[in-house]
């Protein structure tokens, strides 16, 4: 989802759709990264037709370090 990638582009760590994959045989994952997935469901119907959808985005933060450090950093940059 392009919108998700754009929304998360400025968080300061890599963001991947679905799964992180190594691009070389000996590559290790980043110290911190986000993996996301999404699902879309029918939100409303009218006359037996779908009139709107709802999209849910699920994110996981993978981290070898304390993830609260990243949260504190992001919070401080928006003050």
N, C-alpha and C. Protein backbone atom coordinates (compact mmCIF):
# COMPACT_ATOMS: atom_id res chain seq x y z
N UNK A 1 0.83 -1.18 0.00
CA UNK A 1 0.00 0.00 0.00
C UNK A 1 0.88 1.25 0.00
N UNK A 2 0.77 1.98 -1.06
CA UNK A 2 1.58 3.19 -1.20
C UNK A 2 1.30 4.19 -0.08
N UNK A 3 0.05 4.34 0.32
CA UNK A 3 -0.29 5.31 1.36
C UNK A 3 0.38 4.97 2.68
N UNK A 4 0.46 3.70 3.02
CA UNK A 4 1.11 3.29 4.26
C UNK A 4 2.60 3.59 4.18
N UNK A 5 3.22 3.21 3.07
CA UNK A 5 4.66 3.49 2.89
C UNK A 5 4.94 4.98 3.03
N UNK A 6 4.11 5.81 2.42
CA UNK A 6 4.30 7.27 2.50
C UNK A 6 4.10 7.77 3.92
N UNK A 7 3.08 7.27 4.61
CA UNK A 7 2.80 7.71 5.98
C UNK A 7 3.93 7.35 6.93
N UNK A 8 4.60 6.23 6.67
CA UNK A 8 5.67 5.77 7.56
C UNK A 8 7.07 6.13 7.08
N UNK A 9 7.17 6.85 5.98
CA UNK A 9 8.47 7.12 5.38
C UNK A 9 9.38 7.99 6.24
N UNK A 10 8.84 8.78 7.14
CA UNK A 10 9.66 9.70 7.94
C UNK A 10 9.89 9.24 9.38
N UNK A 11 9.67 7.96 9.68
CA UNK A 11 9.83 7.53 11.07
C UNK A 11 11.28 7.23 11.43
N UNK A 12 12.16 7.21 10.45
CA UNK A 12 13.58 7.06 10.74
C UNK A 12 14.10 5.64 10.76
N UNK A 13 13.26 4.65 10.47
CA UNK A 13 13.70 3.27 10.36
C UNK A 13 13.07 2.65 9.12
N UNK A 14 13.65 1.56 8.61
CA UNK A 14 13.09 0.94 7.40
C UNK A 14 11.68 0.39 7.62
N UNK A 15 10.87 0.43 6.57
CA UNK A 15 9.50 -0.06 6.61
C UNK A 15 9.32 -1.04 5.45
N UNK A 16 8.74 -2.21 5.75
CA UNK A 16 8.56 -3.25 4.74
C UNK A 16 7.12 -3.75 4.73
N UNK A 17 6.59 -4.00 3.57
CA UNK A 17 5.26 -4.60 3.43
C UNK A 17 5.39 -6.11 3.55
N UNK A 18 4.65 -6.70 4.45
CA UNK A 18 4.59 -8.15 4.57
C UNK A 18 5.69 -8.79 5.38
N UNK A 19 6.94 -8.64 4.95
CA UNK A 19 8.05 -9.32 5.60
C UNK A 19 9.37 -8.66 5.19
N UNK A 20 10.36 -8.70 6.09
CA UNK A 20 11.71 -8.28 5.71
C UNK A 20 12.36 -9.46 5.02
N UNK A 21 13.01 -9.18 3.89
CA UNK A 21 13.73 -10.23 3.16
C UNK A 21 15.16 -9.75 2.90
N UNK A 22 16.09 -10.64 3.12
CA UNK A 22 17.49 -10.34 2.82
C UNK A 22 17.66 -10.22 1.32
N UNK A 23 18.47 -9.27 0.90
CA UNK A 23 18.75 -9.11 -0.53
C UNK A 23 20.06 -9.78 -0.93
N UNK A 24 20.86 -10.16 0.07
CA UNK A 24 22.08 -10.93 -0.18
C UNK A 24 22.10 -12.09 0.80
N UNK A 25 22.90 -13.09 0.52
CA UNK A 25 22.93 -14.30 1.33
C UNK A 25 23.37 -14.07 2.77
N UNK A 26 24.29 -13.14 2.99
CA UNK A 26 24.81 -12.91 4.34
C UNK A 26 24.28 -11.65 5.01
N UNK A 27 23.20 -11.10 4.51
CA UNK A 27 22.63 -9.86 5.07
C UNK A 27 21.83 -10.15 6.33
N UNK A 28 22.01 -9.31 7.34
CA UNK A 28 21.24 -9.39 8.58
C UNK A 28 20.14 -8.34 8.54
N UNK A 29 19.06 -8.56 9.29
CA UNK A 29 18.00 -7.54 9.31
C UNK A 29 18.49 -6.26 9.99
N UNK A 30 17.84 -5.13 9.70
CA UNK A 30 18.20 -3.88 10.37
C UNK A 30 18.00 -4.02 11.89
N UNK A 31 18.66 -3.16 12.64
CA UNK A 31 18.53 -3.18 14.10
C UNK A 31 17.09 -2.94 14.51
N UNK A 32 16.41 -2.04 13.80
CA UNK A 32 14.98 -1.79 14.01
C UNK A 32 14.31 -1.65 12.66
N UNK A 33 13.11 -2.19 12.55
CA UNK A 33 12.34 -2.01 11.33
C UNK A 33 10.88 -2.31 11.60
N UNK A 34 10.02 -1.83 10.73
CA UNK A 34 8.58 -2.05 10.82
C UNK A 34 8.14 -2.92 9.67
N UNK A 35 7.30 -3.90 9.97
CA UNK A 35 6.65 -4.72 8.97
C UNK A 35 5.16 -4.49 9.11
N UNK A 36 4.47 -4.29 7.98
CA UNK A 36 3.03 -4.06 8.06
C UNK A 36 2.28 -4.92 7.04
N UNK A 37 1.02 -5.13 7.35
CA UNK A 37 0.10 -5.79 6.42
C UNK A 37 -1.24 -5.07 6.55
N UNK A 38 -2.10 -5.31 5.61
CA UNK A 38 -3.41 -4.66 5.66
C UNK A 38 -4.49 -5.62 5.20
N UNK A 39 -5.69 -5.34 5.61
CA UNK A 39 -6.85 -6.09 5.17
C UNK A 39 -8.00 -5.11 4.95
N UNK A 40 -8.78 -5.36 3.94
CA UNK A 40 -9.91 -4.50 3.62
C UNK A 40 -11.19 -5.30 3.76
N UNK A 41 -12.18 -4.71 4.43
CA UNK A 41 -13.47 -5.36 4.62
C UNK A 41 -14.58 -4.45 4.15
N UNK A 42 -15.71 -5.06 3.88
CA UNK A 42 -16.89 -4.28 3.51
C UNK A 42 -17.40 -3.55 4.75
N UNK A 43 -17.63 -2.26 4.65
CA UNK A 43 -18.05 -1.47 5.81
C UNK A 43 -19.55 -1.19 5.80
N UNK A 44 -20.13 -0.98 4.63
CA UNK A 44 -21.57 -0.72 4.58
C UNK A 44 -22.14 -1.19 3.24
N UNK A 45 -23.44 -1.44 3.28
CA UNK A 45 -24.16 -1.93 2.10
C UNK A 45 -25.43 -1.11 1.89
N UNK A 46 -25.84 -1.06 0.66
CA UNK A 46 -27.10 -0.39 0.34
C UNK A 46 -27.68 -1.09 -0.88
N UNK A 47 -28.92 -1.53 -0.77
CA UNK A 47 -29.57 -2.25 -1.88
C UNK A 47 -28.72 -3.41 -2.37
N UNK A 48 -28.21 -4.20 -1.42
CA UNK A 48 -27.41 -5.39 -1.72
C UNK A 48 -26.10 -5.09 -2.46
N UNK A 49 -25.61 -3.88 -2.35
CA UNK A 49 -24.34 -3.51 -2.96
C UNK A 49 -23.44 -2.89 -1.89
N UNK A 50 -22.16 -3.16 -1.99
CA UNK A 50 -21.20 -2.56 -1.07
C UNK A 50 -21.07 -1.08 -1.41
N UNK A 51 -21.22 -0.21 -0.40
CA UNK A 51 -21.10 1.22 -0.63
C UNK A 51 -19.83 1.82 -0.04
N UNK A 52 -19.18 1.08 0.87
CA UNK A 52 -17.91 1.58 1.41
C UNK A 52 -17.10 0.41 1.97
N UNK A 53 -15.81 0.64 2.07
CA UNK A 53 -14.88 -0.35 2.60
C UNK A 53 -14.12 0.25 3.76
N UNK A 54 -13.60 -0.60 4.62
CA UNK A 54 -12.76 -0.17 5.73
C UNK A 54 -11.45 -0.94 5.62
N UNK A 55 -10.33 -0.24 5.72
CA UNK A 55 -9.02 -0.86 5.63
C UNK A 55 -8.33 -0.79 6.99
N UNK A 56 -7.83 -1.92 7.44
CA UNK A 56 -7.09 -2.00 8.69
C UNK A 56 -5.62 -2.27 8.36
N UNK A 57 -4.73 -1.55 9.04
CA UNK A 57 -3.30 -1.74 8.85
C UNK A 57 -2.73 -2.26 10.17
N UNK A 58 -2.01 -3.37 10.08
CA UNK A 58 -1.38 -3.99 11.24
C UNK A 58 0.12 -3.82 11.11
N UNK A 59 0.74 -3.30 12.17
CA UNK A 59 2.19 -3.05 12.13
C UNK A 59 2.88 -3.76 13.28
N UNK A 60 4.09 -4.22 13.01
CA UNK A 60 4.95 -4.80 14.03
C UNK A 60 6.29 -4.09 13.98
N UNK A 61 6.75 -3.66 15.13
CA UNK A 61 8.08 -3.06 15.26
C UNK A 61 9.02 -4.16 15.73
N UNK A 62 10.01 -4.46 14.91
CA UNK A 62 11.04 -5.43 15.25
C UNK A 62 12.27 -4.64 15.69
N UNK A 63 12.83 -5.02 16.85
CA UNK A 63 13.92 -4.23 17.39
C UNK A 63 14.89 -5.08 18.20
N UNK A 64 16.19 -4.89 17.94
CA UNK A 64 17.23 -5.52 18.75
C UNK A 64 17.56 -4.67 19.97
N UNK A 65 17.07 -3.43 19.99
CA UNK A 65 17.32 -2.52 21.11
C UNK A 65 15.98 -2.18 21.76
N UNK A 66 16.03 -1.41 22.82
CA UNK A 66 14.82 -1.01 23.53
C UNK A 66 13.93 -0.17 22.61
N UNK A 67 12.74 -0.65 22.25
CA UNK A 67 11.89 0.09 21.32
C UNK A 67 11.35 1.40 21.89
N UNK A 68 11.37 1.56 23.21
CA UNK A 68 10.89 2.82 23.78
C UNK A 68 11.82 3.97 23.45
N UNK A 69 13.10 3.67 23.20
CA UNK A 69 14.03 4.73 22.79
C UNK A 69 13.56 5.37 21.49
N UNK A 70 13.12 4.55 20.55
CA UNK A 70 12.63 5.07 19.27
C UNK A 70 11.36 5.88 19.47
N UNK A 71 10.47 5.41 20.32
CA UNK A 71 9.22 6.13 20.59
C UNK A 71 9.51 7.48 21.23
N UNK A 72 10.46 7.53 22.18
CA UNK A 72 10.83 8.79 22.81
C UNK A 72 11.42 9.75 21.80
N UNK A 73 12.23 9.25 20.89
CA UNK A 73 12.85 10.07 19.85
C UNK A 73 11.80 10.68 18.93
N UNK A 74 10.83 9.88 18.51
CA UNK A 74 9.77 10.35 17.63
C UNK A 74 8.89 11.38 18.33
N UNK A 75 8.61 11.14 19.60
CA UNK A 75 7.76 12.07 20.34
C UNK A 75 8.45 13.42 20.48
N UNK A 76 9.74 13.40 20.78
CA UNK A 76 10.49 14.63 20.95
C UNK A 76 10.61 15.45 19.68
N UNK A 77 10.61 14.79 18.51
CA UNK A 77 10.79 15.52 17.26
C UNK A 77 9.53 16.26 16.83
N UNK A 78 8.40 15.98 17.46
CA UNK A 78 7.15 16.62 17.08
C UNK A 78 6.73 17.72 18.04
N UNK A 79 7.52 17.95 19.10
CA UNK A 79 7.17 19.00 20.10
C UNK A 79 7.47 20.38 19.56
